[in-house]
């Protein structure tokens, strides 16, 4: 008895044309059902993203073209806020201070994290030691800032007592124009370097062991192995670390707010803290929104440039 294609299709639920179906249901209907299920699961995150990111971003952009305080309605002023920012010496000072902070934090944190990751990869293989590196990261920024604010206090700080004990003069870590920003960068580095090291360590784990075995057979020194094998293969991870570190550093606020509050003499008035002052202290929400839009543009440009020049989307493992 000959079985026709039509009878096989009726028996197996396979359509005569197109992709195979399931129980006679066309594939486009099944895909539509999968889409509904996917939308159901991502709906809470999507709603939160729209409510807490998209809507505030759109309204903030609108307010940047207005003169607005909580005592009245927004009044459209066009690009007057941006023109005023271009002539604002405090803005340029905040931009320079933020750049100094970002540079110190990004370079120091990346170098220290790379060193820690290499030590974990080659020497310290204990899970307890690796987990201990995350302890500072589990501490809130405000708590970490207050902890170091007390430790580095000019009068009662234990660090200054130790400095004085070895015969050196005390250092006004938070009260000196020269030390305020480097000190806060060191605090941020101390808190985040363990997490950053674990990111790089994960990248090291992805490098095939055979590559190092071949390098050993060729007589490569540890420095040559690091420069010619490890660092090139870690480029995507290092690019990610540098971008995340730079973006997080540009948005520094809480450490400054609980320690120096922009002082002394604007030496630590970073851009994020200046936005807070204009919007919530002086109630100039239009000007503050314009500053926030400029900060967003700076973040986007920094991420794009770093990704472009570090070639973070390329890997030598391919």
Protein backbone atom coordinates (compact mmCIF):
# COMPACT_ATOMS: atom_id res chain seq x y z
CA UNK A 1 0.00 0.00 0.00
CA UNK A 2 1.48 3.37 -1.09
CA UNK A 3 1.48 6.23 1.44
CA UNK A 4 1.00 9.60 -0.20
CA UNK A 5 2.60 12.84 0.93
CA UNK A 6 -0.82 14.11 1.95
CA UNK A 7 -1.48 11.11 4.19
CA UNK A 8 1.97 11.41 5.76
CA UNK A 9 1.33 15.11 6.42
CA UNK A 10 -2.04 14.34 8.01
CA UNK A 11 -0.53 11.59 10.14
CA UNK A 12 2.63 13.42 11.30
CA UNK A 13 1.24 16.96 11.48
CA UNK A 14 3.76 18.15 8.87
CA UNK A 15 2.61 20.84 6.39
CA UNK A 16 3.21 20.18 2.71
CA UNK A 17 5.01 23.50 2.28
CA UNK A 18 7.24 25.52 4.65
CA UNK A 19 8.85 24.46 7.88
CA UNK A 20 7.62 21.44 9.85
CA UNK A 21 4.70 22.11 12.14
CA UNK A 22 3.67 20.61 15.46
CA UNK A 23 0.25 19.04 15.77
CA UNK A 24 -0.82 20.73 12.54
CA UNK A 25 -0.10 24.28 13.87
CA UNK A 26 1.79 26.58 11.43
CA UNK A 27 5.23 27.65 12.63
CA UNK A 28 4.38 31.37 12.59
CA UNK A 29 1.61 30.80 15.13
CA UNK A 30 3.96 28.87 17.39
CA UNK A 31 6.56 31.67 17.16
CA UNK A 32 3.88 34.22 17.98
CA UNK A 33 3.01 32.24 21.10
CA UNK A 34 6.68 32.13 22.13
CA UNK A 35 6.86 35.88 21.67
CA UNK A 36 3.91 36.39 24.02
CA UNK A 37 5.56 34.21 26.66
CA UNK A 38 8.86 36.09 26.30
CA UNK A 39 7.10 39.46 26.59
CA UNK A 40 5.30 38.25 29.71
CA UNK A 41 8.61 37.43 31.44
CA UNK A 42 10.43 40.64 30.43
CA UNK A 43 7.41 42.88 31.11
CA UNK A 44 8.36 43.74 34.75
CA UNK A 45 11.90 44.76 33.78
CA UNK A 46 10.64 46.58 30.69
CA UNK A 47 8.05 48.52 32.68
CA UNK A 48 10.65 49.46 35.30
CA UNK A 49 13.09 50.54 32.59
CA UNK A 50 10.50 52.75 30.93
CA UNK A 51 9.25 54.27 34.20
CA UNK A 52 12.59 54.87 35.90
CA UNK A 53 14.92 55.47 32.94
CA UNK A 54 13.17 56.39 29.71
CA UNK A 55 10.49 58.71 31.14
CA UNK A 56 12.90 60.62 33.45
CA UNK A 57 15.44 60.90 30.61
CA UNK A 58 12.85 62.36 28.23
CA UNK A 59 11.49 64.76 30.86
CA UNK A 60 15.01 65.77 31.93
CA UNK A 61 15.90 66.54 28.33
CA UNK A 62 12.78 68.70 28.04
CA UNK A 63 13.54 70.51 31.32
CA UNK A 64 17.05 71.28 30.09
CA UNK A 65 15.46 73.73 27.64
CA UNK A 66 13.41 75.43 30.34
CA UNK A 67 13.78 77.59 33.41
CA UNK A 68 12.12 75.60 36.16
CA UNK A 69 11.91 75.43 39.93
CA UNK A 70 9.43 73.63 42.17
CA UNK A 71 7.62 76.91 42.81
CA UNK A 72 6.33 77.37 39.26
CA UNK A 73 5.74 75.85 35.84
CA UNK A 74 8.58 75.21 33.36
CA UNK A 75 9.23 78.22 31.14
CA UNK A 76 10.76 77.50 27.72
CA UNK A 77 14.09 79.27 27.25
CA UNK A 78 15.55 77.25 24.37
CA UNK A 79 19.32 76.81 24.51
CA UNK A 80 19.88 79.50 27.15
CA UNK A 81 20.93 76.93 29.77
CA UNK A 82 23.53 75.41 27.46
CA UNK A 83 24.85 78.86 26.53
CA UNK A 84 25.19 79.69 30.24
CA UNK A 85 26.99 76.40 30.90
CA UNK A 86 29.56 77.21 28.21
CA UNK A 87 30.45 80.39 30.15
CA UNK A 88 30.24 78.81 33.61
CA UNK A 89 33.71 78.54 35.23
CA UNK A 90 32.35 76.16 37.89
CA UNK A 91 31.24 73.74 35.18
CA UNK A 92 34.67 73.69 33.56
CA UNK A 93 36.28 73.29 36.97
CA UNK A 94 33.93 70.38 37.77
CA UNK A 95 34.74 68.81 34.40
CA UNK A 96 38.49 69.09 35.06
CA UNK A 97 38.15 67.70 38.59
CA UNK A 98 36.04 64.79 37.30
CA UNK A 99 38.63 64.07 34.61
CA UNK A 100 41.39 63.98 37.21
CA UNK A 101 39.39 61.59 39.38
CA UNK A 102 38.53 59.31 36.43
CA UNK A 103 42.14 59.13 35.25
CA UNK A 104 43.55 58.24 38.68
CA UNK A 105 40.85 55.73 39.48
CA UNK A 106 40.78 54.06 36.05
CA UNK A 107 44.53 53.58 35.73
CA UNK A 108 45.15 52.56 39.34
CA UNK A 109 42.18 50.22 39.58
CA UNK A 110 42.88 48.47 36.27
CA UNK A 111 46.59 47.92 37.02
CA UNK A 112 45.98 46.66 40.57
CA UNK A 113 43.09 44.44 39.44
CA UNK A 114 45.23 42.90 36.70
CA UNK A 115 47.98 42.16 39.23
CA UNK A 116 45.53 40.58 41.68
CA UNK A 117 43.93 38.52 38.92
CA UNK A 118 47.33 37.17 37.83
CA UNK A 119 48.15 36.28 41.45
CA UNK A 120 44.83 34.45 41.83
CA UNK A 121 45.44 32.63 38.56
CA UNK A 122 49.00 31.53 39.33
CA UNK A 123 49.46 31.60 43.12
CA UNK A 124 46.42 32.13 45.36
CA UNK A 125 43.97 29.45 44.27
CA UNK A 126 41.97 29.31 47.49
CA UNK A 127 38.27 30.09 47.15
CA UNK A 128 38.32 31.80 50.54
CA UNK A 129 41.02 34.24 49.41
CA UNK A 130 39.19 34.97 46.18
CA UNK A 131 35.96 35.56 48.07
CA UNK A 132 37.68 37.86 50.56
CA UNK A 133 38.54 40.24 47.72
CA UNK A 134 34.82 40.96 47.33
CA UNK A 135 34.30 42.05 50.94
CA UNK A 136 34.99 45.78 50.34
CA UNK A 137 32.70 45.70 47.30
CA UNK A 138 29.84 44.40 49.46
CA UNK A 139 30.11 47.55 51.58
CA UNK A 140 27.96 50.52 50.63
CA UNK A 141 29.79 53.50 49.13
CA UNK A 142 28.65 55.79 51.93
CA UNK A 143 29.88 53.39 54.62
CA UNK A 144 33.24 52.97 52.88
CA UNK A 145 33.62 56.75 52.54
CA UNK A 146 32.79 57.36 56.21
CA UNK A 147 35.17 54.58 57.30
CA UNK A 148 38.10 56.11 55.44
CA UNK A 149 37.01 59.61 56.43
CA UNK A 150 37.60 58.63 60.07
CA UNK A 151 40.78 56.64 59.37
CA UNK A 152 42.32 59.54 57.43
CA UNK A 153 41.13 62.35 59.72
CA UNK A 154 43.83 64.95 60.30
CA UNK A 155 43.42 65.00 64.11
CA UNK A 156 42.19 61.58 65.22
CA UNK A 157 42.79 59.38 62.18
CA UNK A 158 44.93 56.31 62.83
CA UNK A 159 46.69 56.76 59.48
CA UNK A 160 47.94 60.21 60.45
CA UNK A 161 49.02 58.91 63.87
CA UNK A 162 51.11 56.28 62.08
CA UNK A 163 52.56 58.88 59.69
CA UNK A 164 53.52 61.07 62.63
CA UNK A 165 55.00 58.09 64.48
CA UNK A 166 57.50 57.47 61.67
CA UNK A 167 58.61 61.10 61.76
CA UNK A 168 56.62 62.51 58.85
CA UNK A 169 54.21 65.48 58.99
CA UNK A 170 50.49 64.82 59.12
CA UNK A 171 48.58 64.96 55.85
CA UNK A 172 45.22 66.71 55.42
CA UNK A 173 43.86 64.05 53.07
CA UNK A 174 40.40 65.61 52.73
CA UNK A 175 41.32 69.18 53.65
CA UNK A 176 44.05 69.73 51.07
CA UNK A 177 43.41 70.83 47.49
CA UNK A 178 46.21 68.56 46.31
CA UNK A 179 45.05 65.47 48.21
CA UNK A 180 41.23 65.64 48.14
CA UNK A 181 40.61 64.01 44.74
CA UNK A 182 43.48 61.45 44.86
CA UNK A 183 42.28 60.34 48.30
CA UNK A 184 38.73 59.77 47.08
CA UNK A 185 40.05 57.94 44.03
CA UNK A 186 42.04 55.65 46.33
CA UNK A 187 38.93 54.95 48.41
CA UNK A 188 36.97 54.01 45.31
CA UNK A 189 39.84 51.85 44.07
CA UNK A 190 40.02 50.01 47.41
CA UNK A 191 36.31 49.27 47.27
CA UNK A 192 36.07 48.10 43.65
CA UNK A 193 39.45 46.54 42.88
CA UNK A 194 38.42 43.08 44.15
CA UNK A 195 35.36 42.94 41.92
CA UNK A 196 37.37 44.19 38.95
CA UNK A 197 40.05 41.59 39.63
CA UNK A 198 37.46 38.82 39.56
CA UNK A 199 36.24 40.02 36.17
CA UNK A 200 39.77 39.85 34.78
CA UNK A 201 40.31 36.50 36.52
CA UNK A 202 37.26 35.13 34.69
CA UNK A 203 38.87 36.26 31.44
CA UNK A 204 42.10 34.48 32.36
CA UNK A 205 40.16 31.27 32.93
CA UNK A 206 38.93 31.41 29.34
CA UNK A 207 42.46 31.40 27.88
CA UNK A 208 43.40 27.86 26.77
CA UNK A 209 46.15 26.28 28.86
CA UNK A 210 47.79 24.93 25.72
CA UNK A 211 48.80 28.46 24.74
CA UNK A 212 50.91 28.81 27.89
CA UNK A 213 52.38 25.33 27.42
CA UNK A 214 53.57 26.25 23.94
CA UNK A 215 55.07 29.48 25.29
CA UNK A 216 56.96 27.51 27.97
CA UNK A 217 58.32 25.12 25.33
CA UNK A 218 59.54 28.10 23.30
CA UNK A 219 61.38 29.42 26.36
CA UNK A 220 59.28 32.59 26.80
CA UNK A 221 59.88 34.50 30.02
CA UNK A 222 56.94 35.38 32.31
CA UNK A 223 57.09 38.99 31.12
CA UNK A 224 57.05 37.94 27.46
CA UNK A 225 54.12 35.62 28.14
CA UNK A 226 52.23 38.44 29.82
CA UNK A 227 52.96 40.98 27.07
CA UNK A 228 52.55 38.76 24.01
CA UNK A 229 49.90 36.26 25.11
CA UNK A 230 47.94 37.21 28.22
CA UNK A 231 47.28 40.89 27.55
CA UNK A 232 46.27 40.46 23.87
CA UNK A 233 43.90 37.63 24.73
CA UNK A 234 42.46 39.64 27.63
CA UNK A 235 41.72 42.68 25.45
CA UNK A 236 37.90 42.29 25.41
CA UNK A 237 37.78 41.85 29.20
CA UNK A 238 40.16 44.74 29.85
CA UNK A 239 38.13 46.93 27.49
CA UNK A 240 35.00 46.07 29.46
CA UNK A 241 36.75 46.81 32.77
CA UNK A 242 38.10 50.16 31.55
CA UNK A 243 34.71 51.24 30.16
CA UNK A 244 32.80 50.24 33.30
CA UNK A 245 35.42 51.86 35.54
CA UNK A 246 35.40 55.09 33.54
CA UNK A 247 31.60 55.33 33.47
CA UNK A 248 31.34 54.60 37.19
CA UNK A 249 34.07 57.12 37.98
CA UNK A 250 32.42 59.89 35.98
CA UNK A 251 29.27 59.39 38.06
CA UNK A 252 31.04 59.66 41.43
CA UNK A 253 28.84 61.42 43.97
CA UNK A 254 28.32 59.73 47.32
CA UNK A 255 31.99 59.71 48.42
CA UNK A 256 32.25 63.45 47.75
CA UNK A 257 28.90 64.16 49.40
CA UNK A 258 29.80 62.55 52.75
CA UNK A 259 33.44 63.69 52.95
CA UNK A 260 34.43 67.00 51.35
CA UNK A 261 31.12 68.22 49.80
CA UNK A 262 33.03 69.72 46.91
CA UNK A 263 35.75 71.43 48.95
CA UNK A 264 38.20 72.66 49.75
CA UNK A 265 37.78 75.61 47.36
CA UNK A 266 36.01 73.50 44.69
CA UNK A 267 38.96 71.07 44.60
CA UNK A 268 36.61 68.05 44.74
CA UNK A 269 33.43 69.49 43.18
CA UNK A 270 32.90 66.75 40.61
CA UNK A 271 30.30 67.11 37.86
CA UNK A 272 27.72 64.84 39.48
CA UNK A 273 27.90 66.80 42.74
CA UNK A 274 27.61 70.09 40.83
CA UNK A 275 24.42 68.80 39.17
CA UNK A 276 23.02 67.97 42.61
CA UNK A 277 23.88 71.42 43.93
CA UNK A 278 22.27 73.29 41.05
CA UNK A 279 19.10 71.19 41.00
CA UNK A 280 18.39 70.39 44.65
CA UNK A 281 20.29 73.05 46.59
CA UNK A 282 19.63 76.04 44.35
CA UNK A 283 16.33 74.67 42.91
CA UNK A 284 17.48 75.42 39.36
CA UNK A 285 16.18 72.23 37.77
CA UNK A 286 16.45 73.53 34.22
CA UNK A 287 20.15 74.26 34.57
CA UNK A 288 20.72 71.02 36.46
CA UNK A 289 18.92 69.05 33.74
CA UNK A 290 21.11 70.65 31.08
CA UNK A 291 24.19 69.61 33.06
CA UNK A 292 22.79 66.06 33.30
CA UNK A 293 22.24 65.91 29.52
CA UNK A 294 25.84 67.00 28.98
CA UNK A 295 26.98 64.30 31.42
CA UNK A 296 25.00 61.71 29.44
CA UNK A 297 26.64 62.80 26.20
CA UNK A 298 30.08 62.63 27.83
CA UNK A 299 29.38 59.08 29.07
CA UNK A 300 28.24 57.98 25.60
CA UNK A 301 31.28 59.50 23.88
CA UNK A 302 33.72 58.01 26.42
CA UNK A 303 32.21 54.52 26.04
CA UNK A 304 32.26 54.73 22.23
CA UNK A 305 35.84 56.00 22.03
CA UNK A 306 37.13 53.41 24.47
CA UNK A 307 35.35 50.56 22.68
CA UNK A 308 36.65 51.80 19.34
CA UNK A 309 40.30 52.20 20.29
CA UNK A 310 40.51 49.21 22.65
CA UNK A 311 38.76 47.00 20.07
CA UNK A 312 36.66 45.51 22.86
CA UNK A 313 34.43 43.61 20.40
CA UNK A 314 37.38 41.68 18.97
CA UNK A 315 39.19 38.70 20.45
CA UNK A 316 42.41 36.96 19.45
CA UNK A 317 40.88 33.69 20.62
CA UNK A 318 38.65 33.56 17.52
